[in-house]
Amino acid sequence: MNVVDCLKQGFLQKTKIDKEIIDKELKESSYDLEKAQKAFQDKDFKWAIVKSYYSVFHSSRALLNKLGLREKKHFAISVILEELNKQGRLEIKYINDFNAALYSREEADYYYNYSKESAEHNLEIAEQFIEKMKELTNSKVGLKL
């Protein structure tokens, strides 16, 4: 599925770019990362994975708003990241990291499959991913459709 298909099927919607929404999403992302780090320290590895994913998710939503988009399904974020990669604006690492964080969250949340190692890996992903999303939201990134 590509961006145009996601728009046609309603998985993505065009929206007005709003600096307040971008800032709110980045703030939520930082909040979730802090909660993930605290959960990890408390050895609550399931919650660390879940909150790590949501920190990635909210930073992605900030970028989508910067592009004038809003997702209606989480997988649509991956579609946007893939398109940015095709256009030379984002390294494939971040697509893989988003998908890994989403998969780990689903495994932890729905199948009770989590570990200290997966929580630690998700924290590393989240920290790097958030920084990249902040960098992109502060740039003149656009999306050619």
C-alpha atoms as a PDB file:
ATOM      1  CA  MET A   1       0.000   0.000   0.000  1.00  0.00           C
ATOM      2  CA  ASN A   2       1.249   3.507  -0.784  1.00  0.00           C
ATOM      3  CA  VAL A   3       0.365   6.998   0.426  1.00  0.00           C
ATOM      4  CA  VAL A   4      -2.237   7.612  -2.280  1.00  0.00           C
ATOM      5  CA  ASP A   5      -3.970   4.311  -1.464  1.00  0.00           C
ATOM      6  CA  CYS A   6      -3.954   5.178   2.251  1.00  0.00           C
ATOM      7  CA  LEU A   7      -5.546   8.545   1.484  1.00  0.00           C
ATOM      8  CA  LYS A   8      -8.184   6.982  -0.767  1.00  0.00           C
ATOM      9  CA  GLN A   9      -9.090   4.352   1.838  1.00  0.00           C
ATOM     10  CA  GLY A  10      -9.129   6.834   4.721  1.00  0.00           C
ATOM     11  CA  PHE A  11      -6.142   5.392   6.598  1.00  0.00           C
ATOM     12  CA  LEU A  12      -4.524   8.813   6.153  1.00  0.00           C
ATOM     13  CA  GLN A  13      -6.291  12.147   6.030  1.00  0.00           C
ATOM     14  CA  LYS A  14      -5.061  15.540   4.944  1.00  0.00           C
ATOM     15  CA  THR A  15      -5.090  18.108   7.721  1.00  0.00           C
ATOM     16  CA  LYS A  16      -4.010  21.641   8.435  1.00  0.00           C
ATOM     17  CA  ILE A  17      -0.431  21.962   9.670  1.00  0.00           C
ATOM     18  CA  ASP A  18      -0.648  23.188  13.263  1.00  0.00           C
ATOM     19  CA  LYS A  19       2.454  24.110  15.287  1.00  0.00           C
ATOM     20  CA  GLU A  20       0.505  23.619  18.528  1.00  0.00           C
ATOM     21  CA  ILE A  21      -0.377  20.035  17.572  1.00  0.00           C
ATOM     22  CA  ILE A  22       3.219  19.331  16.579  1.00  0.00           C
ATOM     23  CA  ASP A  23       4.458  20.675  19.925  1.00  0.00           C
ATOM     24  CA  LYS A  24       1.769  18.725  21.825  1.00  0.00           C
ATOM     25  CA  GLU A  25       2.701  15.458  20.080  1.00  0.00           C
ATOM     26  CA  LEU A  26       6.407  15.990  20.805  1.00  0.00           C
ATOM     27  CA  LYS A  27       5.596  16.787  24.442  1.00  0.00           C
ATOM     28  CA  GLU A  28       3.530  13.590  24.722  1.00  0.00           C
ATOM     29  CA  SER A  29       6.367  11.671  23.117  1.00  0.00           C
ATOM     30  CA  SER A  30       8.835  12.934  25.727  1.00  0.00           C
ATOM     31  CA  TYR A  31       6.347  12.193  28.512  1.00  0.00           C
ATOM     32  CA  ASP A  32       5.876   8.617  27.299  1.00  0.00           C
ATOM     33  CA  LEU A  33       9.636   8.121  27.014  1.00  0.00           C
ATOM     34  CA  GLU A  34      10.108   9.282  30.610  1.00  0.00           C
ATOM     35  CA  LYS A  35       7.396   6.858  31.760  1.00  0.00           C
ATOM     36  CA  ALA A  36       9.024   4.048  29.748  1.00  0.00           C
ATOM     37  CA  GLN A  37      12.386   4.742  31.393  1.00  0.00           C
ATOM     38  CA  LYS A  38      10.765   4.756  34.839  1.00  0.00           C
ATOM     39  CA  ALA A  39       8.937   1.502  34.105  1.00  0.00           C
ATOM     40  CA  PHE A  40      12.211  -0.084  32.993  1.00  0.00           C
ATOM     41  CA  GLN A  41      13.906   1.021  36.231  1.00  0.00           C
ATOM     42  CA  ASP A  42      10.992  -0.510  38.133  1.00  0.00           C
ATOM     43  CA  LYS A  43      11.450  -3.757  36.159  1.00  0.00           C
ATOM     44  CA  ASP A  44       7.999  -3.365  34.597  1.00  0.00           C
ATOM     45  CA  PHE A  45       9.234  -4.462  31.189  1.00  0.00           C
ATOM     46  CA  LYS A  46       5.819  -4.819  29.566  1.00  0.00           C
ATOM     47  CA  TRP A  47       4.902  -1.233  30.388  1.00  0.00           C
ATOM     48  CA  ALA A  48       8.356  -0.014  29.306  1.00  0.00           C
ATOM     49  CA  ILE A  49       7.742  -1.556  25.879  1.00  0.00           C
ATOM     50  CA  VAL A  50       4.231  -0.136  25.590  1.00  0.00           C
ATOM     51  CA  LYS A  51       5.275   3.376  26.620  1.00  0.00           C
ATOM     52  CA  SER A  52       8.378   3.232  24.406  1.00  0.00           C
ATOM     53  CA  TYR A  53       6.156   2.495  21.431  1.00  0.00           C
ATOM     54  CA  TYR A  54       3.806   5.347  22.269  1.00  0.00           C
ATOM     55  CA  SER A  55       6.739   7.737  22.502  1.00  0.00           C
ATOM     56  CA  VAL A  56       7.673   6.664  18.954  1.00  0.00           C
ATOM     57  CA  PHE A  57       4.030   6.911  17.861  1.00  0.00           C
ATOM     58  CA  HIS A  58       3.535  10.460  19.149  1.00  0.00           C
ATOM     59  CA  SER A  59       6.779  11.726  17.639  1.00  0.00           C
ATOM     60  CA  SER A  60       5.622  10.200  14.327  1.00  0.00           C
ATOM     61  CA  ARG A  61       2.302  11.997  14.617  1.00  0.00           C
ATOM     62  CA  ALA A  62       4.205  15.276  15.033  1.00  0.00           C
ATOM     63  CA  LEU A  63       5.985  14.585  11.748  1.00  0.00           C
ATOM     64  CA  LEU A  64       2.751  13.629  10.001  1.00  0.00           C
ATOM     65  CA  ASN A  65       1.168  16.900  11.066  1.00  0.00           C
ATOM     66  CA  LYS A  66       4.212  18.749   9.728  1.00  0.00           C
ATOM     67  CA  LEU A  67       3.466  17.003   6.414  1.00  0.00           C
ATOM     68  CA  GLY A  68      -0.216  17.996   6.595  1.00  0.00           C
ATOM     69  CA  LEU A  69      -1.420  14.484   7.391  1.00  0.00           C
ATOM     70  CA  ARG A  70      -3.117  12.533  10.162  1.00  0.00           C
ATOM     71  CA  GLU A  71      -3.184   8.753  10.476  1.00  0.00           C
ATOM     72  CA  LYS A  72      -6.293   6.719  11.185  1.00  0.00           C
ATOM     73  CA  LYS A  73      -4.400   3.403  11.451  1.00  0.00           C
ATOM     74  CA  HIS A  74      -0.967   2.965  13.012  1.00  0.00           C
ATOM     75  CA  PHE A  75       0.411   1.109   9.979  1.00  0.00           C
ATOM     76  CA  ALA A  76      -0.168   4.238   7.867  1.00  0.00           C
ATOM     77  CA  ILE A  77       2.724   5.868   9.711  1.00  0.00           C
ATOM     78  CA  SER A  78       5.012   3.186   8.314  1.00  0.00           C
ATOM     79  CA  VAL A  79       3.705   3.969   4.814  1.00  0.00           C
ATOM     80  CA  ILE A  80       4.682   7.627   5.261  1.00  0.00           C
ATOM     81  CA  LEU A  81       8.104   6.691   6.625  1.00  0.00           C
ATOM     82  CA  GLU A  82       8.643   4.407   3.623  1.00  0.00           C
ATOM     83  CA  GLU A  83       7.716   7.216   1.248  1.00  0.00           C
ATOM     84  CA  LEU A  84      10.146   9.586   2.960  1.00  0.00           C
ATOM     85  CA  ASN A  85      12.814   6.911   2.544  1.00  0.00           C
ATOM     86  CA  LYS A  86      12.045   6.540  -1.166  1.00  0.00           C
ATOM     87  CA  GLN A  87      12.399  10.300  -1.530  1.00  0.00           C
ATOM     88  CA  GLY A  88      15.790  10.234   0.209  1.00  0.00           C
ATOM     89  CA  ARG A  89      14.626  12.081   3.327  1.00  0.00           C
ATOM     90  CA  LEU A  90      14.767   9.274   5.903  1.00  0.00           C
ATOM     91  CA  GLU A  91      17.084   6.350   6.478  1.00  0.00           C
ATOM     92  CA  ILE A  92      15.564   2.851   6.363  1.00  0.00           C
ATOM     93  CA  LYS A  93      16.698   2.299   9.965  1.00  0.00           C
ATOM     94  CA  TYR A  94      13.792   4.444  11.181  1.00  0.00           C
ATOM     95  CA  ILE A  95      11.216   2.437   9.227  1.00  0.00           C
ATOM     96  CA  ASN A  96      12.605  -0.756  10.711  1.00  0.00           C
ATOM     97  CA  ASP A  97      12.684   0.791  14.191  1.00  0.00           C
ATOM     98  CA  PHE A  98       9.070   1.978  13.947  1.00  0.00           C
ATOM     99  CA  ASN A  99       7.911  -1.459  12.815  1.00  0.00           C
ATOM    100  CA  ALA A 100       9.967  -3.196  15.520  1.00  0.00           C
ATOM    101  CA  ALA A 101       8.505  -0.955  18.222  1.00  0.00           C
ATOM    102  CA  LEU A 102       4.961  -1.538  16.935  1.00  0.00           C
ATOM    103  CA  TYR A 103       5.517  -5.309  16.802  1.00  0.00           C
ATOM    104  CA  SER A 104       7.014  -5.387  20.319  1.00  0.00           C
ATOM    105  CA  ARG A 105       4.106  -3.370  21.693  1.00  0.00           C
ATOM    106  CA  GLU A 106       1.590  -5.738  20.124  1.00  0.00           C
ATOM    107  CA  GLU A 107       3.494  -8.784  21.405  1.00  0.00           C
ATOM    108  CA  ALA A 108       3.634  -7.348  24.931  1.00  0.00           C
ATOM    109  CA  ASP A 109       0.086  -6.022  24.977  1.00  0.00           C
ATOM    110  CA  TYR A 110      -1.812  -8.812  23.221  1.00  0.00           C
ATOM    111  CA  TYR A 111       0.321 -11.930  23.699  1.00  0.00           C
ATOM    112  CA  TYR A 112       2.134 -11.178  26.995  1.00  0.00           C
ATOM    113  CA  ASN A 113       5.473 -11.734  25.279  1.00  0.00           C
ATOM    114  CA  TYR A 114       8.099  -9.361  26.681  1.00  0.00           C
ATOM    115  CA  SER A 115      11.496  -9.360  28.353  1.00  0.00           C
ATOM    116  CA  LYS A 116      14.089  -7.094  29.871  1.00  0.00           C
ATOM    117  CA  GLU A 117      16.093  -7.311  26.635  1.00  0.00           C
ATOM    118  CA  SER A 118      13.176  -6.321  24.412  1.00  0.00           C
ATOM    119  CA  ALA A 119      12.284  -3.454  26.757  1.00  0.00           C
ATOM    120  CA  GLU A 120      15.861  -2.205  26.699  1.00  0.00           C
ATOM    121  CA  HIS A 121      15.984  -2.439  22.902  1.00  0.00           C
ATOM    122  CA  ASN A 122      12.708  -0.528  22.600  1.00  0.00           C
ATOM    123  CA  LEU A 123      14.011   2.237  24.835  1.00  0.00           C
ATOM    124  CA  GLU A 124      17.063   2.604  22.594  1.00  0.00           C
ATOM    125  CA  ILE A 125      14.836   2.699  19.509  1.00  0.00           C
ATOM    126  CA  ALA A 126      12.571   5.314  21.076  1.00  0.00           C
ATOM    127  CA  GLU A 127      15.389   7.642  22.120  1.00  0.00           C
ATOM    128  CA  GLN A 128      16.945   7.665  18.637  1.00  0.00           C
ATOM    129  CA  PHE A 129      13.627   7.760  16.806  1.00  0.00           C
ATOM    130  CA  ILE A 130      12.318  10.747  18.747  1.00  0.00           C
ATOM    131  CA  GLU A 131      15.461  12.724  18.010  1.00  0.00           C
ATOM    132  CA  LYS A 132      15.101  12.009  14.295  1.00  0.00           C
ATOM    133  CA  MET A 133      11.431  13.012  14.284  1.00  0.00           C
ATOM    134  CA  LYS A 134      12.281  16.259  16.113  1.00  0.00           C
ATOM    135  CA  GLU A 135      14.981  16.948  13.539  1.00  0.00           C
ATOM    136  CA  LEU A 136      12.541  16.405  10.672  1.00  0.00           C
ATOM    137  CA  THR A 137       9.738  18.452  12.225  1.00  0.00           C
ATOM    138  CA  ASN A 138      12.182  21.346  12.648  1.00  0.00           C
ATOM    139  CA  SER A 139      13.287  21.117   9.005  1.00  0.00           C
ATOM    140  CA  LYS A 140      11.572  22.026   5.755  1.00  0.00           C
ATOM    141  CA  VAL A 141      10.598  18.406   5.117  1.00  0.00           C
ATOM    142  CA  GLY A 142       7.823  17.902   2.635  1.00  0.00           C
ATOM    143  CA  LEU A 143       6.227  14.986   0.854  1.00  0.00           C
ATOM    144  CA  LYS A 144       6.000  14.761  -2.926  1.00  0.00           C
ATOM    145  CA  LEU A 145       2.917  12.804  -3.945  1.00  0.00           C
END
